[in-house]
């Protein structure tokens, strides 16, 4: 068992996205990303299933051709090879936990 206190891991950088790998196992990877207002993770594809969970703040999540404005405690699921990304909107910080699982 592992207990991870996200509050202690949240940090922001003015010039780049903060990325903290919380778990990196073959069956599941979990990363915490913290974005200052205006920062973005550009849409990209991966051969994995993904859940993007908004831990804090508010932002715009991109899944395929859709843009979803989401705030705290919202989870967005994405199938494999679908472009996905997110951005912290103007005046908003954003903390996202991404959970990635391989496809069998």
N, C-alpha and C. Protein backbone atom coordinates (compact mmCIF):
# COMPACT_ATOMS: atom_id res chain seq x y z
N UNK A 1 0.85 -1.19 0.00
CA UNK A 1 0.00 0.00 0.00
C UNK A 1 0.88 1.24 0.00
N UNK A 2 0.40 2.25 -0.68
CA UNK A 2 1.08 3.55 -0.71
C UNK A 2 0.06 4.63 -0.42
N UNK A 3 0.45 5.61 0.36
CA UNK A 3 -0.38 6.79 0.60
C UNK A 3 0.41 7.99 0.09
N UNK A 4 -0.22 8.77 -0.78
CA UNK A 4 0.45 9.92 -1.38
C UNK A 4 -0.31 11.18 -1.00
N UNK A 5 0.36 12.10 -0.33
CA UNK A 5 -0.24 13.36 0.07
C UNK A 5 -0.02 14.37 -1.06
N UNK A 6 -1.03 14.54 -1.90
CA UNK A 6 -0.89 15.43 -3.05
C UNK A 6 -0.59 16.87 -2.64
N UNK A 7 -1.12 17.30 -1.50
CA UNK A 7 -0.91 18.69 -1.07
C UNK A 7 0.58 19.02 -0.96
N UNK A 8 1.39 18.04 -0.57
CA UNK A 8 2.83 18.27 -0.40
C UNK A 8 3.58 18.28 -1.73
N UNK A 9 2.95 17.78 -2.78
CA UNK A 9 3.62 17.66 -4.07
C UNK A 9 3.24 18.75 -5.07
N UNK A 10 2.24 19.54 -4.74
CA UNK A 10 1.80 20.60 -5.66
C UNK A 10 2.80 21.75 -5.63
N UNK A 11 3.38 22.03 -6.81
CA UNK A 11 4.31 23.16 -6.94
C UNK A 11 4.19 23.70 -8.36
N UNK A 12 4.43 24.97 -8.49
CA UNK A 12 4.27 25.64 -9.77
C UNK A 12 5.59 26.31 -10.17
N UNK A 13 5.84 26.33 -11.49
CA UNK A 13 7.00 27.01 -12.04
C UNK A 13 6.51 28.02 -13.07
N UNK A 14 7.09 29.21 -13.09
CA UNK A 14 6.61 30.23 -14.03
C UNK A 14 6.93 29.92 -15.49
N UNK A 15 7.96 29.09 -15.74
CA UNK A 15 8.41 28.87 -17.11
C UNK A 15 8.17 27.47 -17.66
N UNK A 16 7.57 26.57 -16.84
CA UNK A 16 7.31 25.21 -17.33
C UNK A 16 6.27 24.53 -16.44
N UNK A 17 5.71 23.45 -16.98
CA UNK A 17 4.76 22.65 -16.22
C UNK A 17 5.53 21.82 -15.19
N UNK A 18 5.04 21.80 -13.97
CA UNK A 18 5.61 20.94 -12.94
C UNK A 18 5.05 19.53 -13.15
N UNK A 19 5.94 18.52 -13.26
CA UNK A 19 5.51 17.13 -13.45
C UNK A 19 6.16 16.27 -12.38
N UNK A 20 5.33 15.54 -11.67
CA UNK A 20 5.80 14.65 -10.61
C UNK A 20 5.21 13.27 -10.87
N UNK A 21 6.07 12.26 -11.08
CA UNK A 21 5.60 10.90 -11.30
C UNK A 21 5.29 10.29 -9.92
N UNK A 22 4.01 9.97 -9.71
CA UNK A 22 3.57 9.42 -8.43
C UNK A 22 3.72 7.91 -8.38
N UNK A 23 3.55 7.28 -9.53
CA UNK A 23 3.69 5.82 -9.63
C UNK A 23 4.05 5.48 -11.06
N UNK A 24 5.03 4.60 -11.24
CA UNK A 24 5.45 4.22 -12.59
C UNK A 24 5.62 2.71 -12.63
N UNK A 25 4.50 2.02 -12.73
CA UNK A 25 4.48 0.56 -12.75
C UNK A 25 3.94 0.11 -14.10
N UNK A 26 4.27 -1.11 -14.53
CA UNK A 26 3.80 -1.58 -15.85
C UNK A 26 2.28 -1.54 -15.99
N UNK A 27 1.56 -1.80 -14.93
CA UNK A 27 0.09 -1.85 -15.01
C UNK A 27 -0.58 -0.49 -14.86
N UNK A 28 0.15 0.53 -14.36
CA UNK A 28 -0.47 1.85 -14.18
C UNK A 28 0.61 2.89 -13.89
N UNK A 29 0.48 4.02 -14.59
CA UNK A 29 1.35 5.16 -14.30
C UNK A 29 0.47 6.31 -13.83
N UNK A 30 0.95 7.04 -12.84
CA UNK A 30 0.20 8.17 -12.31
C UNK A 30 1.15 9.36 -12.23
N UNK A 31 0.73 10.48 -12.81
CA UNK A 31 1.55 11.69 -12.79
C UNK A 31 0.72 12.87 -12.30
N UNK A 32 1.36 13.78 -11.60
CA UNK A 32 0.73 15.01 -11.14
C UNK A 32 1.36 16.16 -11.90
N UNK A 33 0.51 16.99 -12.53
CA UNK A 33 1.00 18.12 -13.31
C UNK A 33 0.36 19.40 -12.81
N UNK A 34 1.19 20.40 -12.59
CA UNK A 34 0.73 21.69 -12.08
C UNK A 34 1.05 22.76 -13.11
N UNK A 35 0.04 23.51 -13.50
CA UNK A 35 0.19 24.52 -14.54
C UNK A 35 -0.19 25.90 -14.02
N UNK A 36 0.66 26.86 -14.30
CA UNK A 36 0.32 28.26 -14.04
C UNK A 36 -0.67 28.70 -15.13
N UNK A 37 -1.37 29.77 -14.86
CA UNK A 37 -2.31 30.32 -15.84
C UNK A 37 -1.61 30.49 -17.19
N UNK A 38 -2.26 30.01 -18.24
CA UNK A 38 -1.71 30.13 -19.59
C UNK A 38 -0.84 28.98 -20.04
N UNK A 39 -0.35 28.16 -19.13
CA UNK A 39 0.47 27.02 -19.54
C UNK A 39 -0.42 25.91 -20.08
N UNK A 40 0.15 25.06 -20.95
CA UNK A 40 -0.66 24.01 -21.58
C UNK A 40 0.19 22.77 -21.86
N UNK A 41 -0.47 21.65 -21.81
CA UNK A 41 0.08 20.39 -22.31
C UNK A 41 -0.61 20.19 -23.66
N UNK A 42 0.14 20.32 -24.74
CA UNK A 42 -0.44 20.27 -26.08
C UNK A 42 -1.04 18.90 -26.36
N UNK A 43 -2.13 18.86 -27.12
CA UNK A 43 -2.75 17.58 -27.44
C UNK A 43 -1.77 16.63 -28.13
N UNK A 44 -1.82 15.39 -27.72
CA UNK A 44 -0.97 14.34 -28.27
C UNK A 44 -1.70 13.00 -28.16
N UNK A 45 -1.25 12.00 -28.89
CA UNK A 45 -1.86 10.68 -28.87
C UNK A 45 -0.95 9.71 -28.13
N UNK A 46 -1.56 8.67 -27.55
CA UNK A 46 -0.79 7.61 -26.91
C UNK A 46 -1.59 6.31 -27.01
N UNK A 47 -0.90 5.18 -27.11
CA UNK A 47 -1.59 3.89 -27.19
C UNK A 47 -1.98 3.38 -25.81
N UNK A 48 -2.60 4.24 -25.02
CA UNK A 48 -2.95 3.93 -23.63
C UNK A 48 -4.32 4.50 -23.31
N UNK A 49 -4.95 3.95 -22.28
CA UNK A 49 -6.19 4.53 -21.75
C UNK A 49 -5.77 5.54 -20.67
N UNK A 50 -6.54 6.60 -20.56
CA UNK A 50 -6.14 7.72 -19.71
C UNK A 50 -7.32 8.30 -18.96
N UNK A 51 -7.08 8.67 -17.71
CA UNK A 51 -8.03 9.48 -16.96
C UNK A 51 -7.30 10.75 -16.53
N UNK A 52 -7.87 11.89 -16.87
CA UNK A 52 -7.34 13.18 -16.41
C UNK A 52 -8.28 13.65 -15.31
N UNK A 53 -7.73 13.85 -14.12
CA UNK A 53 -8.53 14.24 -12.96
C UNK A 53 -8.10 15.62 -12.50
N UNK A 54 -9.04 16.56 -12.48
CA UNK A 54 -8.75 17.92 -12.04
C UNK A 54 -8.74 17.95 -10.51
N UNK A 55 -7.58 18.08 -9.95
CA UNK A 55 -7.41 18.10 -8.49
C UNK A 55 -7.74 19.48 -7.93
N UNK A 56 -7.21 20.50 -8.57
CA UNK A 56 -7.42 21.89 -8.13
C UNK A 56 -7.52 22.80 -9.34
N UNK A 57 -8.22 23.89 -9.16
CA UNK A 57 -8.28 24.92 -10.19
C UNK A 57 -9.31 24.64 -11.26
N UNK A 58 -9.07 25.24 -12.41
CA UNK A 58 -10.00 25.15 -13.52
C UNK A 58 -9.20 25.25 -14.82
N UNK A 59 -9.65 24.50 -15.83
CA UNK A 59 -8.95 24.56 -17.10
C UNK A 59 -9.78 23.98 -18.22
N UNK A 60 -9.19 23.97 -19.39
CA UNK A 60 -9.83 23.42 -20.57
C UNK A 60 -9.11 22.14 -20.96
N UNK A 61 -9.87 21.06 -21.07
CA UNK A 61 -9.34 19.76 -21.43
C UNK A 61 -9.73 19.46 -22.87
N UNK A 62 -8.78 18.97 -23.63
CA UNK A 62 -9.03 18.65 -25.03
C UNK A 62 -9.03 17.13 -25.17
N UNK A 63 -10.10 16.60 -25.74
CA UNK A 63 -10.20 15.17 -26.03
C UNK A 63 -10.77 15.05 -27.44
N UNK A 64 -9.94 14.58 -28.36
CA UNK A 64 -10.35 14.54 -29.75
C UNK A 64 -10.64 15.95 -30.24
N UNK A 65 -11.84 16.16 -30.79
CA UNK A 65 -12.23 17.48 -31.29
C UNK A 65 -12.98 18.30 -30.26
N UNK A 66 -13.16 17.75 -29.06
CA UNK A 66 -13.94 18.43 -28.03
C UNK A 66 -13.06 19.19 -27.05
N UNK A 67 -13.58 20.31 -26.56
CA UNK A 67 -12.96 21.06 -25.47
C UNK A 67 -13.94 21.08 -24.32
N UNK A 68 -13.47 20.66 -23.15
CA UNK A 68 -14.31 20.58 -21.97
C UNK A 68 -13.72 21.49 -20.90
N UNK A 69 -14.49 22.46 -20.45
CA UNK A 69 -14.06 23.30 -19.33
C UNK A 69 -14.44 22.55 -18.06
N UNK A 70 -13.44 22.31 -17.21
CA UNK A 70 -13.67 21.51 -16.01
C UNK A 70 -12.98 22.14 -14.82
N UNK A 71 -13.54 21.88 -13.66
CA UNK A 71 -12.92 22.37 -12.44
C UNK A 71 -12.72 21.20 -11.48
N UNK A 72 -12.41 21.53 -10.23
CA UNK A 72 -12.03 20.54 -9.24
C UNK A 72 -12.99 19.36 -9.15
N UNK A 73 -12.39 18.22 -8.97
CA UNK A 73 -13.09 16.96 -8.74
C UNK A 73 -13.84 16.46 -9.98
N UNK A 74 -13.34 16.83 -11.16
CA UNK A 74 -13.90 16.34 -12.42
C UNK A 74 -12.90 15.38 -13.05
N UNK A 75 -13.39 14.23 -13.51
CA UNK A 75 -12.55 13.25 -14.18
C UNK A 75 -12.97 13.15 -15.64
N UNK A 76 -12.01 13.09 -16.53
CA UNK A 76 -12.26 12.99 -17.96
C UNK A 76 -11.52 11.76 -18.47
N UNK A 77 -12.25 10.84 -19.07
CA UNK A 77 -11.67 9.59 -19.56
C UNK A 77 -11.41 9.69 -21.05
N UNK A 78 -10.32 9.09 -21.48
CA UNK A 78 -9.91 9.17 -22.88
C UNK A 78 -9.46 7.79 -23.36
N UNK A 79 -9.96 7.36 -24.50
CA UNK A 79 -9.56 6.09 -25.09
C UNK A 79 -8.21 6.21 -25.77
N UNK A 80 -7.64 5.06 -26.08
CA UNK A 80 -6.32 5.05 -26.70
C UNK A 80 -6.34 5.72 -28.07
N UNK A 81 -5.22 6.33 -28.38
CA UNK A 81 -4.97 7.00 -29.67
C UNK A 81 -5.91 8.17 -29.97
N UNK A 82 -6.58 8.70 -28.96
CA UNK A 82 -7.40 9.90 -29.11
C UNK A 82 -6.54 11.08 -28.63
N UNK A 83 -6.39 12.11 -29.44
CA UNK A 83 -5.60 13.27 -28.99
C UNK A 83 -6.18 13.84 -27.69
N UNK A 84 -5.28 14.17 -26.76
CA UNK A 84 -5.72 14.72 -25.48
C UNK A 84 -4.66 15.69 -24.95
N UNK A 85 -5.12 16.66 -24.19
CA UNK A 85 -4.25 17.64 -23.57
C UNK A 85 -5.09 18.55 -22.69
N UNK A 86 -4.47 19.57 -22.12
CA UNK A 86 -5.21 20.50 -21.27
C UNK A 86 -4.42 21.78 -21.10
N UNK A 87 -5.14 22.82 -20.67
CA UNK A 87 -4.47 24.11 -20.43
C UNK A 87 -5.12 24.80 -19.23
N UNK A 88 -4.30 25.55 -18.53
CA UNK A 88 -4.80 26.40 -17.45
C UNK A 88 -5.25 27.70 -18.10
N UNK A 89 -6.51 28.01 -17.94
CA UNK A 89 -7.06 29.20 -18.58
C UNK A 89 -6.55 30.47 -17.93
N UNK A 90 -6.79 31.58 -18.60
CA UNK A 90 -6.33 32.88 -18.12
C UNK A 90 -6.81 33.12 -16.68
N UNK A 91 -5.88 33.49 -15.82
CA UNK A 91 -6.21 33.79 -14.43
C UNK A 91 -6.44 32.58 -13.55
N UNK A 92 -6.20 31.38 -14.06
CA UNK A 92 -6.45 30.15 -13.29
C UNK A 92 -5.21 29.27 -13.26
N UNK A 93 -4.90 28.74 -12.09
CA UNK A 93 -3.92 27.66 -11.99
C UNK A 93 -4.67 26.35 -12.15
N UNK A 94 -3.95 25.30 -12.52
CA UNK A 94 -4.59 24.00 -12.75
C UNK A 94 -3.67 22.89 -12.25
N UNK A 95 -4.24 21.97 -11.49
CA UNK A 95 -3.51 20.78 -11.02
C UNK A 95 -4.27 19.56 -11.55
N UNK A 96 -3.58 18.72 -12.31
CA UNK A 96 -4.18 17.55 -12.94
C UNK A 96 -3.41 16.30 -12.54
N UNK A 97 -4.15 15.27 -12.16
CA UNK A 97 -3.57 13.96 -11.95
C UNK A 97 -3.95 13.11 -13.16
N UNK A 98 -2.95 12.57 -13.84
CA UNK A 98 -3.20 11.72 -15.00
C UNK A 98 -2.89 10.27 -14.62
N UNK A 99 -3.86 9.39 -14.87
CA UNK A 99 -3.71 7.97 -14.61
C UNK A 99 -3.75 7.27 -15.95
N UNK A 100 -2.69 6.53 -16.26
CA UNK A 100 -2.54 5.89 -17.55
C UNK A 100 -2.40 4.38 -17.35
N UNK A 101 -3.18 3.62 -18.14
CA UNK A 101 -3.09 2.17 -18.08
C UNK A 101 -2.84 1.62 -19.49
N UNK A 102 -2.04 0.56 -19.58
CA UNK A 102 -1.78 -0.02 -20.90
C UNK A 102 -3.02 -0.75 -21.41
N UNK A 103 -3.05 -0.96 -22.70
CA UNK A 103 -4.12 -1.71 -23.34
C UNK A 103 -3.60 -3.11 -23.62
N UNK A 104 -4.35 -4.09 -23.24
CA UNK A 104 -3.91 -5.49 -23.44
C UNK A 104 -4.14 -5.94 -24.85
